[in-house]
All heavy atoms as atom14 arrays in JSON, in Angstrom:
{
  "sequence": "ESATGIAEFWLNGKPWPRKGLQRGYTVGAEAAILLGQEQDAFGGGFD",
  "atom14_mask": [
    [1, 1, 1, 1, 1, 1, 1, 1, 1, 0, 0, 0, 0, 0],
    [1, 1, 1, 1, 1, 1, 0, 0, 0, 0, 0, 0, 0, 0],
    [1, 1, 1, 1, 1, 0, 0, 0, 0, 0, 0, 0, 0, 0],
    [1, 1, 1, 1, 1, 1, 1, 0, 0, 0, 0, 0, 0, 0],
    [1, 1, 1, 1, 0, 0, 0, 0, 0, 0, 0, 0, 0, 0],
    [1, 1, 1, 1, 1, 1, 1, 1, 0, 0, 0, 0, 0, 0],
    [1, 1, 1, 1, 1, 0, 0, 0, 0, 0, 0, 0, 0, 0],
    [1, 1, 1, 1, 1, 1, 1, 1, 1, 0, 0, 0, 0, 0],
    [1, 1, 1, 1, 1, 1, 1, 1, 1, 1, 1, 0, 0, 0],
    [1, 1, 1, 1, 1, 1, 1, 1, 1, 1, 1, 1, 1, 1],
    [1, 1, 1, 1, 1, 1, 1, 1, 0, 0, 0, 0, 0, 0],
    [1, 1, 1, 1, 1, 1, 1, 1, 0, 0, 0, 0, 0, 0],
    [1, 1, 1, 1, 0, 0, 0, 0, 0, 0, 0, 0, 0, 0],
    [1, 1, 1, 1, 1, 1, 1, 1, 1, 0, 0, 0, 0, 0],
    [1, 1, 1, 1, 1, 1, 1, 0, 0, 0, 0, 0, 0, 0],
    [1, 1, 1, 1, 1, 1, 1, 1, 1, 1, 1, 1, 1, 1],
    [1, 1, 1, 1, 1, 1, 1, 0, 0, 0, 0, 0, 0, 0],
    [1, 1, 1, 1, 1, 1, 1, 1, 1, 1, 1, 0, 0, 0],
    [1, 1, 1, 1, 1, 1, 1, 1, 1, 0, 0, 0, 0, 0],
    [1, 1, 1, 1, 0, 0, 0, 0, 0, 0, 0, 0, 0, 0],
    [1, 1, 1, 1, 1, 1, 1, 1, 0, 0, 0, 0, 0, 0],
    [1, 1, 1, 1, 1, 1, 1, 1, 1, 0, 0, 0, 0, 0],
    [1, 1, 1, 1, 1, 1, 1, 1, 1, 1, 1, 0, 0, 0],
    [1, 1, 1, 1, 0, 0, 0, 0, 0, 0, 0, 0, 0, 0],
    [1, 1, 1, 1, 1, 1, 1, 1, 1, 1, 1, 1, 0, 0],
    [1, 1, 1, 1, 1, 1, 1, 0, 0, 0, 0, 0, 0, 0],
    [1, 1, 1, 1, 1, 1, 1, 0, 0, 0, 0, 0, 0, 0],
    [1, 1, 1, 1, 0, 0, 0, 0, 0, 0, 0, 0, 0, 0],
    [1, 1, 1, 1, 1, 0, 0, 0, 0, 0, 0, 0, 0, 0],
    [1, 1, 1, 1, 1, 1, 1, 1, 1, 0, 0, 0, 0, 0],
    [1, 1, 1, 1, 1, 0, 0, 0, 0, 0, 0, 0, 0, 0],
    [1, 1, 1, 1, 1, 0, 0, 0, 0, 0, 0, 0, 0, 0],
    [1, 1, 1, 1, 1, 1, 1, 1, 0, 0, 0, 0, 0, 0],
    [1, 1, 1, 1, 1, 1, 1, 1, 0, 0, 0, 0, 0, 0],
    [1, 1, 1, 1, 1, 1, 1, 1, 0, 0, 0, 0, 0, 0],
    [1, 1, 1, 1, 0, 0, 0, 0, 0, 0, 0, 0, 0, 0],
    [1, 1, 1, 1, 1, 1, 1, 1, 1, 0, 0, 0, 0, 0],
    [1, 1, 1, 1, 1, 1, 1, 1, 1, 0, 0, 0, 0, 0],
    [1, 1, 1, 1, 1, 1, 1, 1, 1, 0, 0, 0, 0, 0],
    [1, 1, 1, 1, 1, 1, 1, 1, 0, 0, 0, 0, 0, 0],
    [1, 1, 1, 1, 1, 0, 0, 0, 0, 0, 0, 0, 0, 0],
    [1, 1, 1, 1, 1, 1, 1, 1, 1, 1, 1, 0, 0, 0],
    [1, 1, 1, 1, 0, 0, 0, 0, 0, 0, 0, 0, 0, 0],
    [1, 1, 1, 1, 0, 0, 0, 0, 0, 0, 0, 0, 0, 0],
    [1, 1, 1, 1, 0, 0, 0, 0, 0, 0, 0, 0, 0, 0],
    [1, 1, 1, 1, 1, 1, 1, 1, 1, 1, 1, 0, 0, 0],
    [1, 1, 1, 1, 1, 1, 1, 1, 0, 0, 0, 0, 0, 0]
  ],
  "atom14_positions": [
    [[0.85, -1.2, 0.0], [0.0, 0.0, 0.0], [0.88, 1.24, 0.0], [1.85, 1.36, 0.74], [-0.99, 0.0, 1.16], [-0.39, -0.06, 2.54], [-1.44, -0.08, 3.65], [-2.58, -0.51, 3.4], [-1.08, 0.33, 4.77], [0.0, 0.0, 0.0], [0.0, 0.0, 0.0], [0.0, 0.0, 0.0], [0.0, 0.0, 0.0], [0.0, 0.0, 0.0]],
    [[0.49, 2.17, -0.89], [1.26, 3.4, -1.08], [1.25, 4.28, 0.16], [2.28, 4.83, 0.55], [0.68, 4.16, -2.27], [1.34, 5.39, -2.43], [0.0, 0.0, 0.0], [0.0, 0.0, 0.0], [0.0, 0.0, 0.0], [0.0, 0.0, 0.0], [0.0, 0.0, 0.0], [0.0, 0.0, 0.0], [0.0, 0.0, 0.0], [0.0, 0.0, 0.0]],
    [[0.1, 4.4, 0.81], [-0.06, 5.36, 1.93], [0.95, 5.11, 3.04], [1.5, 6.05, 3.61], [-1.48, 5.3, 2.46], [0.0, 0.0, 0.0], [0.0, 0.0, 0.0], [0.0, 0.0, 0.0], [0.0, 0.0, 0.0], [0.0, 0.0, 0.0], [0.0, 0.0, 0.0], [0.0, 0.0, 0.0], [0.0, 0.0, 0.0], [0.0, 0.0, 0.0]],
    [[1.2, 3.83, 3.37], [2.13, 3.5, 4.46], [3.45, 2.94, 3.94], [4.42, 2.85, 4.69], [1.52, 2.42, 5.37], [1.25, 1.26, 4.56], [0.24, 2.9, 6.02], [0.0, 0.0, 0.0], [0.0, 0.0, 0.0], [0.0, 0.0, 0.0], [0.0, 0.0, 0.0], [0.0, 0.0, 0.0], [0.0, 0.0, 0.0], [0.0, 0.0, 0.0]],
    [[3.48, 2.54, 2.66], [4.65, 1.86, 2.12], [4.86, 0.48, 2.71], [5.95, -0.08, 2.66], [0.0, 0.0, 0.0], [0.0, 0.0, 0.0], [0.0, 0.0, 0.0], [0.0, 0.0, 0.0], [0.0, 0.0, 0.0], [0.0, 0.0, 0.0], [0.0, 0.0, 0.0], [0.0, 0.0, 0.0], [0.0, 0.0, 0.0], [0.0, 0.0, 0.0]],
    [[3.79, -0.09, 3.27], [3.92, -1.41, 3.9], [3.79, -2.52, 2.84], [2.83, -2.54, 2.07], [2.86, -1.62, 5.0], [3.16, -0.73, 6.22], [2.77, -3.09, 5.44], [4.31, -1.16, 7.08], [0.0, 0.0, 0.0], [0.0, 0.0, 0.0], [0.0, 0.0, 0.0], [0.0, 0.0, 0.0], [0.0, 0.0, 0.0], [0.0, 0.0, 0.0]],
    [[4.77, -3.42, 2.82], [4.72, -4.6, 1.96], [4.47, -5.82, 2.84], [5.17, -6.02, 3.84], [6.04, -4.76, 1.21], [0.0, 0.0, 0.0], [0.0, 0.0, 0.0], [0.0, 0.0, 0.0], [0.0, 0.0, 0.0], [0.0, 0.0, 0.0], [0.0, 0.0, 0.0], [0.0, 0.0, 0.0], [0.0, 0.0, 0.0], [0.0, 0.0, 0.0]],
    [[3.47, -6.59, 2.46], [3.15, -7.83, 3.18], [3.52, -9.01, 2.31], [3.39, -8.95, 1.08], [1.64, -7.93, 3.43], [1.2, -7.44, 4.77], [-0.3, -7.67, 5.0], [-0.82, -8.76, 4.68], [-0.94, -6.74, 5.49], [0.0, 0.0, 0.0], [0.0, 0.0, 0.0], [0.0, 0.0, 0.0], [0.0, 0.0, 0.0], [0.0, 0.0, 0.0]],
    [[3.97, -10.08, 2.94], [4.31, -11.3, 2.2], [3.75, -12.5, 2.94], [3.97, -12.66, 4.14], [5.83, -11.42, 2.06], [6.26, -12.64, 1.28], [6.26, -12.63, -0.1], [6.65, -13.81, 1.94], [6.65, -13.75, -0.83], [7.04, -14.92, 1.23], [7.04, -14.9, -0.16], [0.0, 0.0, 0.0], [0.0, 0.0, 0.0], [0.0, 0.0, 0.0]],
    [[3.02, -13.34, 2.21], [2.42, -14.55, 2.78], [2.92, -15.75, 2.0], [2.91, -15.75, 0.77], [0.9, -14.5, 2.67], [0.26, -13.45, 3.54], [0.38, -12.09, 3.45], [-0.63, -13.69, 4.65], [-0.37, -11.47, 4.42], [-1.01, -12.43, 5.17], [-1.15, -14.85, 5.24], [-1.87, -12.29, 6.25], [-2.01, -14.72, 6.31], [-2.37, -13.45, 6.82]],
    [[3.37, -16.76, 2.72], [3.8, -18.01, 2.09], [2.97, -19.16, 2.67], [2.93, -19.34, 3.89], [5.29, -18.25, 2.37], [5.87, -19.57, 1.86], [5.86, -19.65, 0.34], [7.29, -19.78, 2.38], [0.0, 0.0, 0.0], [0.0, 0.0, 0.0], [0.0, 0.0, 0.0], [0.0, 0.0, 0.0], [0.0, 0.0, 0.0], [0.0, 0.0, 0.0]],
    [[2.3, -19.87, 1.76], [1.46, -21.0, 2.17], [0.51, -20.65, 3.31], [0.37, -21.37, 4.3], [2.33, -22.22, 2.54], [3.11, -22.73, 1.34], [2.7, -22.53, 0.2], [4.22, -23.38, 1.59], [0.0, 0.0, 0.0], [0.0, 0.0, 0.0], [0.0, 0.0, 0.0], [0.0, 0.0, 0.0], [0.0, 0.0, 0.0], [0.0, 0.0, 0.0]],
    [[-0.13, -19.48, 3.15], [-1.17, -19.06, 4.1], [-0.66, -18.46, 5.39], [-1.45, -18.2, 6.3], [0.0, 0.0, 0.0], [0.0, 0.0, 0.0], [0.0, 0.0, 0.0], [0.0, 0.0, 0.0], [0.0, 0.0, 0.0], [0.0, 0.0, 0.0], [0.0, 0.0, 0.0], [0.0, 0.0, 0.0], [0.0, 0.0, 0.0], [0.0, 0.0, 0.0]],
    [[0.65, -18.22, 5.5], [1.2, -17.64, 6.73], [1.92, -16.32, 6.43], [2.69, -16.24, 5.47], [2.21, -18.59, 7.38], [1.57, -19.9, 7.84], [2.56, -20.75, 8.64], [1.92, -22.06, 9.08], [1.59, -22.95, 7.94], [0.0, 0.0, 0.0], [0.0, 0.0, 0.0], [0.0, 0.0, 0.0], [0.0, 0.0, 0.0], [0.0, 0.0, 0.0]],
    [[1.7, -15.29, 7.28], [2.35, -14.0, 7.05], [3.78, -13.96, 7.55], [4.09, -14.53, 8.6], [1.48, -13.03, 7.84], [0.92, -13.85, 8.96], [0.78, -15.25, 8.44], [0.0, 0.0, 0.0], [0.0, 0.0, 0.0], [0.0, 0.0, 0.0], [0.0, 0.0, 0.0], [0.0, 0.0, 0.0], [0.0, 0.0, 0.0], [0.0, 0.0, 0.0]],
    [[4.64, -13.27, 6.81], [6.02, -12.99, 7.22], [6.04, -11.59, 7.83], [5.11, -10.81, 7.62], [6.91, -13.05, 5.98], [7.77, -14.28, 5.9], [9.12, -14.29, 5.76], [7.38, -15.66, 5.94], [9.58, -15.6, 5.73], [8.54, -16.44, 5.85], [6.14, -16.31, 6.09], [8.52, -17.84, 5.88], [6.12, -17.71, 6.12], [7.29, -18.46, 6.02]],
    [[7.1, -11.22, 8.57], [7.17, -9.85, 9.09], [7.09, -8.82, 7.95], [7.75, -9.0, 6.92], [8.55, -9.79, 9.77], [8.86, -11.21, 10.11], [8.24, -12.04, 9.02], [0.0, 0.0, 0.0], [0.0, 0.0, 0.0], [0.0, 0.0, 0.0], [0.0, 0.0, 0.0], [0.0, 0.0, 0.0], [0.0, 0.0, 0.0], [0.0, 0.0, 0.0]],
    [[6.28, -7.78, 8.15], [6.07, -6.77, 7.12], [7.3, -5.89, 6.95], [8.07, -5.72, 7.89], [4.84, -5.93, 7.46], [3.55, -6.71, 7.26], [2.37, -5.98, 7.82], [2.22, -6.26, 9.24], [1.07, -6.17, 9.91], [-0.03, -5.81, 9.27], [1.02, -6.44, 11.18], [0.0, 0.0, 0.0], [0.0, 0.0, 0.0], [0.0, 0.0, 0.0]],
    [[7.43, -5.33, 5.74], [8.58, -4.46, 5.45], [8.1, -3.18, 4.78], [6.96, -3.11, 4.32], [9.56, -5.19, 4.53], [10.02, -6.51, 5.15], [11.37, -6.96, 4.65], [11.86, -8.12, 5.51], [13.19, -8.59, 5.13], [0.0, 0.0, 0.0], [0.0, 0.0, 0.0], [0.0, 0.0, 0.0], [0.0, 0.0, 0.0], [0.0, 0.0, 0.0]],
    [[8.99, -2.18, 4.75], [8.65, -0.88, 4.17], [9.23, -0.74, 2.77], [10.37, -1.13, 2.53], [0.0, 0.0, 0.0], [0.0, 0.0, 0.0], [0.0, 0.0, 0.0], [0.0, 0.0, 0.0], [0.0, 0.0, 0.0], [0.0, 0.0, 0.0], [0.0, 0.0, 0.0], [0.0, 0.0, 0.0], [0.0, 0.0, 0.0], [0.0, 0.0, 0.0]],
    [[8.42, -0.18, 1.85], [8.86, -0.08, 0.45], [8.08, 1.01, -0.27], [6.85, 1.0, -0.29], [8.61, -1.44, -0.22], [8.96, -1.61, -1.69], [10.46, -1.5, -1.91], [8.48, -2.98, -2.19], [0.0, 0.0, 0.0], [0.0, 0.0, 0.0], [0.0, 0.0, 0.0], [0.0, 0.0, 0.0], [0.0, 0.0, 0.0], [0.0, 0.0, 0.0]],
    [[8.79, 1.98, -0.83], [8.22, 2.95, -1.78], [6.95, 3.66, -1.28], [5.95, 3.74, -1.99], [7.89, 2.24, -3.11], [9.11, 1.78, -3.91], [9.82, 2.93, -4.6], [10.22, 3.9, -3.97], [9.99, 2.82, -5.89], [0.0, 0.0, 0.0], [0.0, 0.0, 0.0], [0.0, 0.0, 0.0], [0.0, 0.0, 0.0], [0.0, 0.0, 0.0]],
    [[7.03, 4.18, -0.06], [5.89, 4.93, 0.47], [5.56, 6.12, -0.43], [6.46, 6.84, -0.87], [6.24, 5.43, 1.88], [5.1, 6.07, 2.61], [5.55, 6.42, 4.0], [4.43, 6.84, 4.82], [4.49, 6.89, 6.14], [5.59, 6.54, 6.77], [3.45, 7.29, 6.83], [0.0, 0.0, 0.0], [0.0, 0.0, 0.0], [0.0, 0.0, 0.0]],
    [[4.27, 6.3, -0.74], [3.84, 7.43, -1.56], [3.96, 7.19, -3.06], [3.6, 8.05, -3.86], [0.0, 0.0, 0.0], [0.0, 0.0, 0.0], [0.0, 0.0, 0.0], [0.0, 0.0, 0.0], [0.0, 0.0, 0.0], [0.0, 0.0, 0.0], [0.0, 0.0, 0.0], [0.0, 0.0, 0.0], [0.0, 0.0, 0.0], [0.0, 0.0, 0.0]],
    [[4.46, 6.03, -3.45], [4.64, 5.72, -4.87], [3.3, 5.35, -5.52], [2.37, 4.94, -4.84], [5.64, 4.55, -5.01], [6.04, 4.23, -6.43], [6.96, 5.01, -7.11], [5.49, 3.12, -7.09], [7.33, 4.71, -8.42], [5.85, 2.82, -8.39], [6.77, 3.62, -9.05], [7.13, 3.32, -10.34], [0.0, 0.0, 0.0], [0.0, 0.0, 0.0]],
    [[3.21, 5.51, -6.84], [2.03, 5.07, -7.58], [2.48, 4.16, -8.72], [3.4, 4.51, -9.47], [1.27, 6.28, -8.18], [0.84, 7.11, -7.1], [0.05, 5.83, -8.95], [0.0, 0.0, 0.0], [0.0, 0.0, 0.0], [0.0, 0.0, 0.0], [0.0, 0.0, 0.0], [0.0, 0.0, 0.0], [0.0, 0.0, 0.0], [0.0, 0.0, 0.0]],
    [[1.85, 3.0, -8.82], [2.18, 2.03, -9.87], [1.42, 2.4, -11.14], [0.19, 2.56, -11.12], [1.79, 0.6, -9.42], [1.9, -0.39, -10.57], [2.67, 0.16, -8.25], [0.0, 0.0, 0.0], [0.0, 0.0, 0.0], [0.0, 0.0, 0.0], [0.0, 0.0, 0.0], [0.0, 0.0, 0.0], [0.0, 0.0, 0.0], [0.0, 0.0, 0.0]],
    [[2.13, 2.55, -12.25], [1.52, 2.97, -13.51], [0.52, 1.95, -14.06], [0.59, 0.76, -13.75], [0.0, 0.0, 0.0], [0.0, 0.0, 0.0], [0.0, 0.0, 0.0], [0.0, 0.0, 0.0], [0.0, 0.0, 0.0], [0.0, 0.0, 0.0], [0.0, 0.0, 0.0], [0.0, 0.0, 0.0], [0.0, 0.0, 0.0], [0.0, 0.0, 0.0]],
    [[-0.41, 2.43, -14.9], [-1.51, 1.59, -15.37], [-1.25, 0.92, -16.72], [-1.73, -0.16, -16.97], [-2.8, 2.4, -15.44], [0.0, 0.0, 0.0], [0.0, 0.0, 0.0], [0.0, 0.0, 0.0], [0.0, 0.0, 0.0], [0.0, 0.0, 0.0], [0.0, 0.0, 0.0], [0.0, 0.0, 0.0], [0.0, 0.0, 0.0], [0.0, 0.0, 0.0]],
    [[-0.5, 1.57, -17.61], [-0.29, 1.0, -18.95], [0.77, -0.09, -18.85], [1.96, 0.17, -19.03], [0.21, 2.1, -19.91], [-0.75, 3.25, -20.09], [-1.85, 2.9, -21.09], [-1.52, 2.39, -22.17], [-3.03, 3.13, -20.78], [0.0, 0.0, 0.0], [0.0, 0.0, 0.0], [0.0, 0.0, 0.0], [0.0, 0.0, 0.0], [0.0, 0.0, 0.0]],
    [[0.33, -1.31, -18.59], [1.29, -2.35, -18.2], [1.34, -3.52, -19.17], [0.35, -3.87, -19.79], [0.95, -2.86, -16.81], [0.0, 0.0, 0.0], [0.0, 0.0, 0.0], [0.0, 0.0, 0.0], [0.0, 0.0, 0.0], [0.0, 0.0, 0.0], [0.0, 0.0, 0.0], [0.0, 0.0, 0.0], [0.0, 0.0, 0.0], [0.0, 0.0, 0.0]],
    [[2.54, -4.12, -19.27], [2.7, -5.44, -19.88], [2.88, -6.42, -18.71], [3.79, -6.22, -17.88], [3.92, -5.47, -20.78], [0.0, 0.0, 0.0], [0.0, 0.0, 0.0], [0.0, 0.0, 0.0], [0.0, 0.0, 0.0], [0.0, 0.0, 0.0], [0.0, 0.0, 0.0], [0.0, 0.0, 0.0], [0.0, 0.0, 0.0], [0.0, 0.0, 0.0]],
    [[2.02, -7.43, -18.62], [2.05, -8.37, -17.5], [2.44, -9.75, -18.02], [1.75, -10.31, -18.87], [0.69, -8.42, -16.77], [0.29, -7.01, -16.32], [0.75, -9.36, -15.59], [-1.1, -6.93, -15.69], [0.0, 0.0, 0.0], [0.0, 0.0, 0.0], [0.0, 0.0, 0.0], [0.0, 0.0, 0.0], [0.0, 0.0, 0.0], [0.0, 0.0, 0.0]],
    [[3.55, -10.27, -17.5], [4.1, -11.54, -17.99], [4.32, -12.51, -16.85], [4.76, -12.1, -15.77], [5.45, -11.3, -18.68], [5.48, -11.0, -20.17], [4.65, -9.8, -20.53], [6.92, -10.78, -20.62], [0.0, 0.0, 0.0], [0.0, 0.0, 0.0], [0.0, 0.0, 0.0], [0.0, 0.0, 0.0], [0.0, 0.0, 0.0], [0.0, 0.0, 0.0]],
    [[4.08, -13.78, -17.12], [4.41, -14.85, -16.18], [5.59, -15.62, -16.76], [5.6, -15.95, -17.95], [3.23, -15.81, -16.0], [1.88, -15.17, -15.66], [0.79, -16.23, -15.62], [1.96, -14.43, -14.33], [0.0, 0.0, 0.0], [0.0, 0.0, 0.0], [0.0, 0.0, 0.0], [0.0, 0.0, 0.0], [0.0, 0.0, 0.0], [0.0, 0.0, 0.0]],
    [[6.59, -15.88, -15.94], [7.67, -16.77, -16.35], [8.91, -16.1, -16.91], [9.91, -16.76, -17.14], [0.0, 0.0, 0.0], [0.0, 0.0, 0.0], [0.0, 0.0, 0.0], [0.0, 0.0, 0.0], [0.0, 0.0, 0.0], [0.0, 0.0, 0.0], [0.0, 0.0, 0.0], [0.0, 0.0, 0.0], [0.0, 0.0, 0.0], [0.0, 0.0, 0.0]],
    [[8.88, -14.77, -17.12], [10.07, -14.03, -17.54], [10.11, -12.71, -16.78], [9.07, -12.2, -16.37], [10.03, -13.71, -19.04], [10.11, -14.89, -19.96], [11.51, -15.51, -20.09], [12.48, -15.02, -19.53], [11.59, -16.6, -20.83], [0.0, 0.0, 0.0], [0.0, 0.0, 0.0], [0.0, 0.0, 0.0], [0.0, 0.0, 0.0], [0.0, 0.0, 0.0]],
    [[11.32, -12.17, -16.67], [11.47, -10.84, -16.08], [11.73, -9.86, -17.21], [12.63, -10.07, -18.02], [12.65, -10.84, -15.1], [12.7, -9.57, -14.31], [14.1, -9.01, -14.19], [15.07, -9.77, -14.22], [14.2, -7.77, -14.08], [0.0, 0.0, 0.0], [0.0, 0.0, 0.0], [0.0, 0.0, 0.0], [0.0, 0.0, 0.0], [0.0, 0.0, 0.0]],
    [[10.94, -8.8, -17.28], [11.09, -7.81, -18.34], [12.2, -6.81, -17.99], [12.18, -6.23, -16.92], [9.77, -7.05, -18.54], [8.58, -7.97, -18.82], [7.27, -7.22, -18.9], [7.02, -6.5, -19.86], [6.42, -7.39, -17.9], [0.0, 0.0, 0.0], [0.0, 0.0, 0.0], [0.0, 0.0, 0.0], [0.0, 0.0, 0.0], [0.0, 0.0, 0.0]],
    [[13.13, -6.64, -18.92], [14.12, -5.57, -18.78], [13.8, -4.43, -19.72], [14.51, -3.44, -19.8], [15.53, -6.1, -19.04], [16.03, -6.92, -17.85], [15.65, -6.61, -16.7], [16.77, -7.89, -18.06], [0.0, 0.0, 0.0], [0.0, 0.0, 0.0], [0.0, 0.0, 0.0], [0.0, 0.0, 0.0], [0.0, 0.0, 0.0], [0.0, 0.0, 0.0]],
    [[12.74, -4.61, -20.49], [12.19, -3.55, -21.34], [10.7, -3.84, -21.41], [10.27, -4.95, -21.09], [12.8, -3.61, -22.74], [0.0, 0.0, 0.0], [0.0, 0.0, 0.0], [0.0, 0.0, 0.0], [0.0, 0.0, 0.0], [0.0, 0.0, 0.0], [0.0, 0.0, 0.0], [0.0, 0.0, 0.0], [0.0, 0.0, 0.0], [0.0, 0.0, 0.0]],
    [[9.9, -2.88, -21.85], [8.45, -3.05, -21.88], [8.08, -4.24, -22.77], [8.27, -4.19, -23.99], [7.8, -1.77, -22.39], [6.3, -1.76, -22.33], [5.65, -1.69, -21.12], [5.55, -1.83, -23.49], [4.27, -1.68, -21.05], [4.16, -1.82, -23.45], [3.53, -1.74, -22.21], [0.0, 0.0, 0.0], [0.0, 0.0, 0.0], [0.0, 0.0, 0.0]],
    [[7.59, -5.32, -22.17], [7.16, -6.5, -22.94], [8.29, -7.36, -23.48], [8.05, -8.27, -24.27], [0.0, 0.0, 0.0], [0.0, 0.0, 0.0], [0.0, 0.0, 0.0], [0.0, 0.0, 0.0], [0.0, 0.0, 0.0], [0.0, 0.0, 0.0], [0.0, 0.0, 0.0], [0.0, 0.0, 0.0], [0.0, 0.0, 0.0], [0.0, 0.0, 0.0]],
    [[9.54, -7.11, -23.04], [10.65, -7.91, -23.58], [11.93, -7.72, -22.8], [11.91, -7.43, -21.62], [0.0, 0.0, 0.0], [0.0, 0.0, 0.0], [0.0, 0.0, 0.0], [0.0, 0.0, 0.0], [0.0, 0.0, 0.0], [0.0, 0.0, 0.0], [0.0, 0.0, 0.0], [0.0, 0.0, 0.0], [0.0, 0.0, 0.0], [0.0, 0.0, 0.0]],
    [[13.06, -7.9, -23.52], [14.38, -7.74, -22.88], [14.67, -8.82, -21.87], [15.12, -8.54, -20.76], [0.0, 0.0, 0.0], [0.0, 0.0, 0.0], [0.0, 0.0, 0.0], [0.0, 0.0, 0.0], [0.0, 0.0, 0.0], [0.0, 0.0, 0.0], [0.0, 0.0, 0.0], [0.0, 0.0, 0.0], [0.0, 0.0, 0.0], [0.0, 0.0, 0.0]],
    [[14.4, -10.08, -22.23], [14.53, -11.16, -21.24], [15.96, -11.65, -21.1], [16.72, -11.65, -22.05], [13.67, -12.37, -21.65], [12.25, -12.03, -21.97], [11.61, -12.63, -23.06], [11.54, -11.13, -21.2], [10.29, -12.32, -23.36], [10.22, -10.81, -21.5], [9.6, -11.41, -22.59], [0.0, 0.0, 0.0], [0.0, 0.0, 0.0], [0.0, 0.0, 0.0]],
    [[16.28, -12.12, -19.89], [17.48, -12.89, -19.64], [17.0, -14.32, -19.38], [16.3, -14.56, -18.39], [18.2, -12.32, -18.41], [19.37, -13.19, -17.97], [19.54, -14.3, -18.5], [20.11, -12.74, -17.07], [0.0, 0.0, 0.0], [0.0, 0.0, 0.0], [0.0, 0.0, 0.0], [0.0, 0.0, 0.0], [0.0, 0.0, 0.0], [0.0, 0.0, 0.0]]
  ]
}
């Protein structure tokens, strides 16, 4: 969540200690969403 910058992580139904990340940030809407590769450019640039 942007307002607090709190990142939550759950593994197999159990929560891990929360961490702080990018408070006040906004995630852009025009997105390329991929499963199985990491994008190093919009929609591509895979290693």
